[in-house]
Amino acid sequence: MRRNLAIVVLGLAPLTGGCLAKTAFDVATAPVRVVSQGADWATTSQDEADRNRGREIRQREEHYGELQRDYEKQAERCEDGNDEACRKAIAIRREMETLSESLPR
């Protein structure tokens, strides 16, 4: 019985050697993989940065469009003699000028 068990164990040893070696390799390289994954999460790829920049520019352009519409409404009311609308139109125009500096041309 012991002899049969020894033969079976010796026969299975080459089959499990790869598993043990792979496990040892995985354990040894785990810290490197964890650090590299952490670095990947902590940094922004160029593609992500480009997407984020494009999104930011679109949001600014949308806000500028909203300001433009508000300015036109207030300017029209100002022309009708509404002093409060004139003050709002001036404030909106200043904000538009500030925002336009950050938009691509």
N, C-alpha and C. Protein backbone atom coordinates (compact mmCIF):
# COMPACT_ATOMS: atom_id res chain seq x y z
N MET A 1 0.82 -1.19 0.00
CA MET A 1 0.00 0.00 0.00
C MET A 1 0.86 1.25 0.00
N ARG A 2 1.88 1.24 0.89
CA ARG A 2 2.78 2.39 0.94
C ARG A 2 3.53 2.53 -0.37
N ARG A 3 3.87 1.40 -0.95
CA ARG A 3 4.62 1.45 -2.20
C ARG A 3 3.76 2.08 -3.31
N ASN A 4 2.50 1.72 -3.38
CA ASN A 4 1.60 2.30 -4.37
C ASN A 4 1.42 3.80 -4.14
N LEU A 5 1.32 4.19 -2.88
CA LEU A 5 1.17 5.60 -2.56
C LEU A 5 2.42 6.38 -2.98
N ALA A 6 3.58 5.81 -2.74
CA ALA A 6 4.82 6.47 -3.13
C ALA A 6 4.91 6.63 -4.64
N ILE A 7 4.48 5.62 -5.38
CA ILE A 7 4.50 5.69 -6.84
C ILE A 7 3.54 6.78 -7.33
N VAL A 8 2.37 6.83 -6.74
CA VAL A 8 1.39 7.83 -7.13
C VAL A 8 1.92 9.24 -6.83
N VAL A 9 2.50 9.42 -5.65
CA VAL A 9 3.03 10.74 -5.27
C VAL A 9 4.16 11.12 -6.21
N LEU A 10 5.06 10.21 -6.51
CA LEU A 10 6.16 10.51 -7.42
C LEU A 10 5.64 10.78 -8.83
N GLY A 11 4.58 10.09 -9.21
CA GLY A 11 4.01 10.31 -10.53
C GLY A 11 3.30 11.66 -10.64
N LEU A 12 2.76 12.15 -9.57
CA LEU A 12 2.06 13.43 -9.57
C LEU A 12 2.99 14.62 -9.34
N ALA A 13 4.16 14.38 -8.82
CA ALA A 13 5.09 15.47 -8.50
C ALA A 13 5.39 16.37 -9.70
N PRO A 14 5.69 15.84 -10.89
CA PRO A 14 5.95 16.73 -12.03
C PRO A 14 4.72 17.57 -12.41
N LEU A 15 3.54 17.02 -12.20
CA LEU A 15 2.32 17.73 -12.55
C LEU A 15 2.07 18.91 -11.61
N THR A 16 2.39 18.78 -10.35
CA THR A 16 2.15 19.85 -9.38
C THR A 16 3.31 20.82 -9.30
N GLY A 17 4.44 20.48 -9.85
CA GLY A 17 5.61 21.36 -9.80
C GLY A 17 5.33 22.70 -10.45
N GLY A 18 4.64 22.67 -11.58
CA GLY A 18 4.30 23.91 -12.26
C GLY A 18 3.35 24.76 -11.44
N CYS A 19 2.42 24.12 -10.78
CA CYS A 19 1.46 24.85 -9.94
C CYS A 19 2.18 25.52 -8.78
N LEU A 20 3.09 24.79 -8.16
CA LEU A 20 3.83 25.36 -7.03
C LEU A 20 4.73 26.49 -7.49
N ALA A 21 5.38 26.32 -8.64
CA ALA A 21 6.25 27.37 -9.17
C ALA A 21 5.44 28.61 -9.54
N LYS A 22 4.27 28.39 -10.13
CA LYS A 22 3.43 29.52 -10.51
C LYS A 22 2.92 30.25 -9.26
N THR A 23 2.55 29.49 -8.25
CA THR A 23 2.08 30.10 -7.01
C THR A 23 3.20 30.90 -6.36
N ALA A 24 4.40 30.35 -6.34
CA ALA A 24 5.54 31.07 -5.77
C ALA A 24 5.82 32.34 -6.58
N PHE A 25 5.71 32.25 -7.90
CA PHE A 25 5.92 33.42 -8.76
C PHE A 25 4.85 34.48 -8.49
N ASP A 26 3.59 34.04 -8.40
CA ASP A 26 2.51 34.98 -8.13
C ASP A 26 2.69 35.68 -6.79
N VAL A 27 3.11 34.94 -5.77
CA VAL A 27 3.32 35.52 -4.45
C VAL A 27 4.48 36.52 -4.50
N ALA A 28 5.53 36.19 -5.23
CA ALA A 28 6.70 37.07 -5.30
C ALA A 28 6.41 38.34 -6.10
N THR A 29 5.56 38.26 -7.11
CA THR A 29 5.30 39.44 -7.94
C THR A 29 4.08 40.23 -7.50
N ALA A 30 3.36 39.75 -6.51
CA ALA A 30 2.14 40.44 -6.06
C ALA A 30 2.42 41.88 -5.61
N PRO A 31 3.46 42.15 -4.81
CA PRO A 31 3.69 43.54 -4.40
C PRO A 31 3.95 44.48 -5.58
N VAL A 32 4.64 43.99 -6.59
CA VAL A 32 4.92 44.81 -7.76
C VAL A 32 3.62 45.12 -8.51
N ARG A 33 2.77 44.12 -8.65
CA ARG A 33 1.49 44.34 -9.33
C ARG A 33 0.61 45.32 -8.56
N VAL A 34 0.61 45.22 -7.24
CA VAL A 34 -0.20 46.12 -6.41
C VAL A 34 0.30 47.56 -6.56
N VAL A 35 1.61 47.76 -6.52
CA VAL A 35 2.17 49.10 -6.66
C VAL A 35 1.89 49.66 -8.05
N SER A 36 2.05 48.85 -9.07
CA SER A 36 1.81 49.36 -10.43
C SER A 36 0.33 49.68 -10.63
N GLN A 37 -0.56 48.90 -10.06
CA GLN A 37 -2.00 49.19 -10.17
C GLN A 37 -2.32 50.49 -9.42
N GLY A 38 -1.72 50.67 -8.26
CA GLY A 38 -1.92 51.91 -7.50
C GLY A 38 -1.42 53.12 -8.27
N ALA A 39 -0.28 52.97 -8.92
CA ALA A 39 0.25 54.07 -9.72
C ALA A 39 -0.66 54.36 -10.91
N ASP A 40 -1.23 53.31 -11.48
CA ASP A 40 -2.14 53.50 -12.61
C ASP A 40 -3.40 54.24 -12.16
N TRP A 41 -3.90 53.91 -11.00
CA TRP A 41 -5.09 54.59 -10.48
C TRP A 41 -4.78 56.03 -10.09
N ALA A 42 -3.56 56.29 -9.64
CA ALA A 42 -3.19 57.62 -9.16
C ALA A 42 -2.86 58.59 -10.29
N THR A 43 -2.52 58.07 -11.45
CA THR A 43 -2.14 58.95 -12.55
C THR A 43 -3.23 58.99 -13.61
N THR A 44 -3.21 60.02 -14.39
CA THR A 44 -4.19 60.19 -15.47
C THR A 44 -3.48 59.99 -16.79
N SER A 45 -4.03 59.13 -17.62
CA SER A 45 -3.42 58.92 -18.93
C SER A 45 -3.67 60.14 -19.81
N GLN A 46 -2.93 60.24 -20.88
CA GLN A 46 -3.09 61.37 -21.79
C GLN A 46 -4.49 61.36 -22.40
N ASP A 47 -4.99 60.17 -22.70
CA ASP A 47 -6.34 60.06 -23.27
C ASP A 47 -7.39 60.58 -22.28
N GLU A 48 -7.25 60.19 -21.02
CA GLU A 48 -8.18 60.67 -19.99
C GLU A 48 -8.07 62.18 -19.82
N ALA A 49 -6.85 62.69 -19.84
CA ALA A 49 -6.65 64.13 -19.69
C ALA A 49 -7.28 64.89 -20.86
N ASP A 50 -7.15 64.36 -22.06
CA ASP A 50 -7.75 64.99 -23.24
C ASP A 50 -9.27 64.99 -23.14
N ARG A 51 -9.84 63.86 -22.71
CA ARG A 51 -11.29 63.77 -22.54
C ARG A 51 -11.78 64.78 -21.50
N ASN A 52 -11.07 64.82 -20.38
CA ASN A 52 -11.46 65.75 -19.31
C ASN A 52 -11.35 67.19 -19.78
N ARG A 53 -10.31 67.51 -20.50
CA ARG A 53 -10.13 68.87 -21.02
C ARG A 53 -11.24 69.23 -22.00
N GLY A 54 -11.58 68.31 -22.89
CA GLY A 54 -12.67 68.55 -23.84
C GLY A 54 -13.99 68.76 -23.13
N ARG A 55 -14.25 67.97 -22.10
CA ARG A 55 -15.49 68.10 -21.33
C ARG A 55 -15.54 69.47 -20.65
N GLU A 56 -14.43 69.87 -20.07
CA GLU A 56 -14.35 71.16 -19.40
C GLU A 56 -14.59 72.32 -20.38
N ILE A 57 -14.00 72.23 -21.55
CA ILE A 57 -14.19 73.28 -22.56
C ILE A 57 -15.64 73.34 -23.01
N ARG A 58 -16.26 72.17 -23.24
CA ARG A 58 -17.67 72.15 -23.65
C ARG A 58 -18.56 72.77 -22.59
N GLN A 59 -18.28 72.48 -21.32
CA GLN A 59 -19.08 73.05 -20.24
C GLN A 59 -18.93 74.57 -20.19
N ARG A 60 -17.71 75.05 -20.39
CA ARG A 60 -17.50 76.50 -20.43
C ARG A 60 -18.24 77.13 -21.60
N GLU A 61 -18.18 76.49 -22.76
CA GLU A 61 -18.87 77.01 -23.94
C GLU A 61 -20.38 77.05 -23.72
N GLU A 62 -20.92 76.01 -23.08
CA GLU A 62 -22.35 75.99 -22.78
C GLU A 62 -22.71 77.13 -21.83
N HIS A 63 -21.88 77.32 -20.81
CA HIS A 63 -22.12 78.41 -19.86
C HIS A 63 -22.04 79.76 -20.56
N TYR A 64 -21.08 79.90 -21.47
CA TYR A 64 -20.95 81.15 -22.22
C TYR A 64 -22.21 81.39 -23.06
N GLY A 65 -22.76 80.34 -23.66
CA GLY A 65 -23.99 80.46 -24.44
C GLY A 65 -25.16 80.91 -23.58
N GLU A 66 -25.25 80.36 -22.36
CA GLU A 66 -26.30 80.77 -21.43
C GLU A 66 -26.14 82.25 -21.07
N LEU A 67 -24.90 82.64 -20.80
CA LEU A 67 -24.64 84.04 -20.47
C LEU A 67 -25.01 84.95 -21.64
N GLN A 68 -24.71 84.51 -22.85
CA GLN A 68 -25.02 85.29 -24.05
C GLN A 68 -26.52 85.53 -24.16
N ARG A 69 -27.29 84.47 -23.94
CA ARG A 69 -28.76 84.62 -24.01
C ARG A 69 -29.27 85.56 -22.91
N ASP A 70 -28.75 85.39 -21.69
CA ASP A 70 -29.15 86.27 -20.59
C ASP A 70 -28.77 87.72 -20.88
N TYR A 71 -27.58 87.91 -21.43
CA TYR A 71 -27.13 89.26 -21.76
C TYR A 71 -28.07 89.92 -22.78
N GLU A 72 -28.44 89.17 -23.80
CA GLU A 72 -29.32 89.72 -24.83
C GLU A 72 -30.67 90.12 -24.25
N LYS A 73 -31.21 89.30 -23.34
CA LYS A 73 -32.48 89.64 -22.69
C LYS A 73 -32.35 90.91 -21.86
N GLN A 74 -31.28 90.97 -21.07
CA GLN A 74 -31.10 92.14 -20.21
C GLN A 74 -30.81 93.39 -21.03
N ALA A 75 -30.05 93.25 -22.11
CA ALA A 75 -29.75 94.41 -22.96
C ALA A 75 -31.02 94.93 -23.61
N GLU A 76 -31.91 94.03 -24.00
CA GLU A 76 -33.18 94.44 -24.61
C GLU A 76 -34.03 95.21 -23.58
N ARG A 77 -34.07 94.70 -22.35
CA ARG A 77 -34.81 95.40 -21.28
C ARG A 77 -34.17 96.73 -20.95
N CYS A 78 -32.83 96.76 -21.04
CA CYS A 78 -32.11 98.01 -20.77
C CYS A 78 -32.49 99.07 -21.79
N GLU A 79 -32.58 98.65 -23.04
CA GLU A 79 -32.96 99.60 -24.09
C GLU A 79 -34.38 100.14 -23.89
N ASP A 80 -35.20 99.34 -23.19
CA ASP A 80 -36.57 99.79 -22.90
C ASP A 80 -36.61 100.72 -21.68
N GLY A 81 -35.44 100.99 -21.07
CA GLY A 81 -35.38 101.93 -19.97
C GLY A 81 -35.29 101.31 -18.58
N ASN A 82 -35.07 100.04 -18.48
CA ASN A 82 -34.97 99.37 -17.19
C ASN A 82 -33.53 99.47 -16.68
N ASP A 83 -33.32 100.30 -15.63
CA ASP A 83 -31.96 100.53 -15.10
C ASP A 83 -31.38 99.26 -14.47
N GLU A 84 -32.21 98.49 -13.78
CA GLU A 84 -31.73 97.25 -13.16
C GLU A 84 -31.23 96.29 -14.24
N ALA A 85 -31.93 96.20 -15.36
CA ALA A 85 -31.52 95.34 -16.46
C ALA A 85 -30.19 95.81 -17.04
N CYS A 86 -29.95 97.13 -17.06
CA CYS A 86 -28.67 97.66 -17.55
C CYS A 86 -27.53 97.20 -16.65
N ARG A 87 -27.75 97.26 -15.33
CA ARG A 87 -26.70 96.82 -14.40
C ARG A 87 -26.45 95.32 -14.56
N LYS A 88 -27.51 94.54 -14.71
CA LYS A 88 -27.34 93.09 -14.90
C LYS A 88 -26.62 92.79 -16.21
N ALA A 89 -26.95 93.55 -17.25
CA ALA A 89 -26.31 93.34 -18.56
C ALA A 89 -24.81 93.62 -18.46
N ILE A 90 -24.45 94.67 -17.73
CA ILE A 90 -23.03 95.00 -17.56
C ILE A 90 -22.32 93.89 -16.80
N ALA A 91 -22.94 93.39 -15.73
CA ALA A 91 -22.32 92.32 -14.93
C ALA A 91 -22.17 91.05 -15.77
N ILE A 92 -23.19 90.72 -16.54
CA ILE A 92 -23.12 89.52 -17.39
C ILE A 92 -22.03 89.69 -18.43
N ARG A 93 -21.93 90.88 -19.01
CA ARG A 93 -20.90 91.13 -20.04
C ARG A 93 -19.50 90.96 -19.46
N ARG A 94 -19.29 91.42 -18.24
CA ARG A 94 -17.98 91.25 -17.58
C ARG A 94 -17.67 89.77 -17.38
N GLU A 95 -18.67 89.02 -16.94
CA GLU A 95 -18.45 87.58 -16.74
C GLU A 95 -18.15 86.90 -18.07
N MET A 96 -18.83 87.32 -19.13
CA MET A 96 -18.58 86.74 -20.45
C MET A 96 -17.15 87.03 -20.91
N GLU A 97 -16.69 88.26 -20.65
CA GLU A 97 -15.32 88.61 -21.05
C GLU A 97 -14.30 87.78 -20.29
N THR A 98 -14.53 87.59 -19.01
CA THR A 98 -13.62 86.78 -18.20
C THR A 98 -13.62 85.33 -18.69
N LEU A 99 -14.81 84.82 -18.95
CA LEU A 99 -14.93 83.43 -19.41
C LEU A 99 -14.34 83.24 -20.79
N SER A 100 -14.48 84.23 -21.66
CA SER A 100 -13.99 84.09 -23.03
C SER A 100 -12.46 83.96 -23.07
N GLU A 101 -11.78 84.49 -22.08
CA GLU A 101 -10.32 84.38 -22.02
C GLU A 101 -9.87 82.93 -21.84
N SER A 102 -10.71 82.11 -21.21
CA SER A 102 -10.33 80.71 -20.95
C SER A 102 -10.82 79.76 -22.05
N LEU A 103 -11.54 80.28 -23.03
CA LEU A 103 -12.02 79.43 -24.12
C LEU A 103 -11.01 79.40 -25.25
N PRO A 104 -10.87 78.26 -25.92
CA PRO A 104 -9.97 78.22 -27.08
C PRO A 104 -10.53 79.07 -28.22
N ARG A 105 -9.66 79.62 -28.99
CA ARG A 105 -10.09 80.49 -30.09
C ARG A 105 -10.11 79.75 -31.39
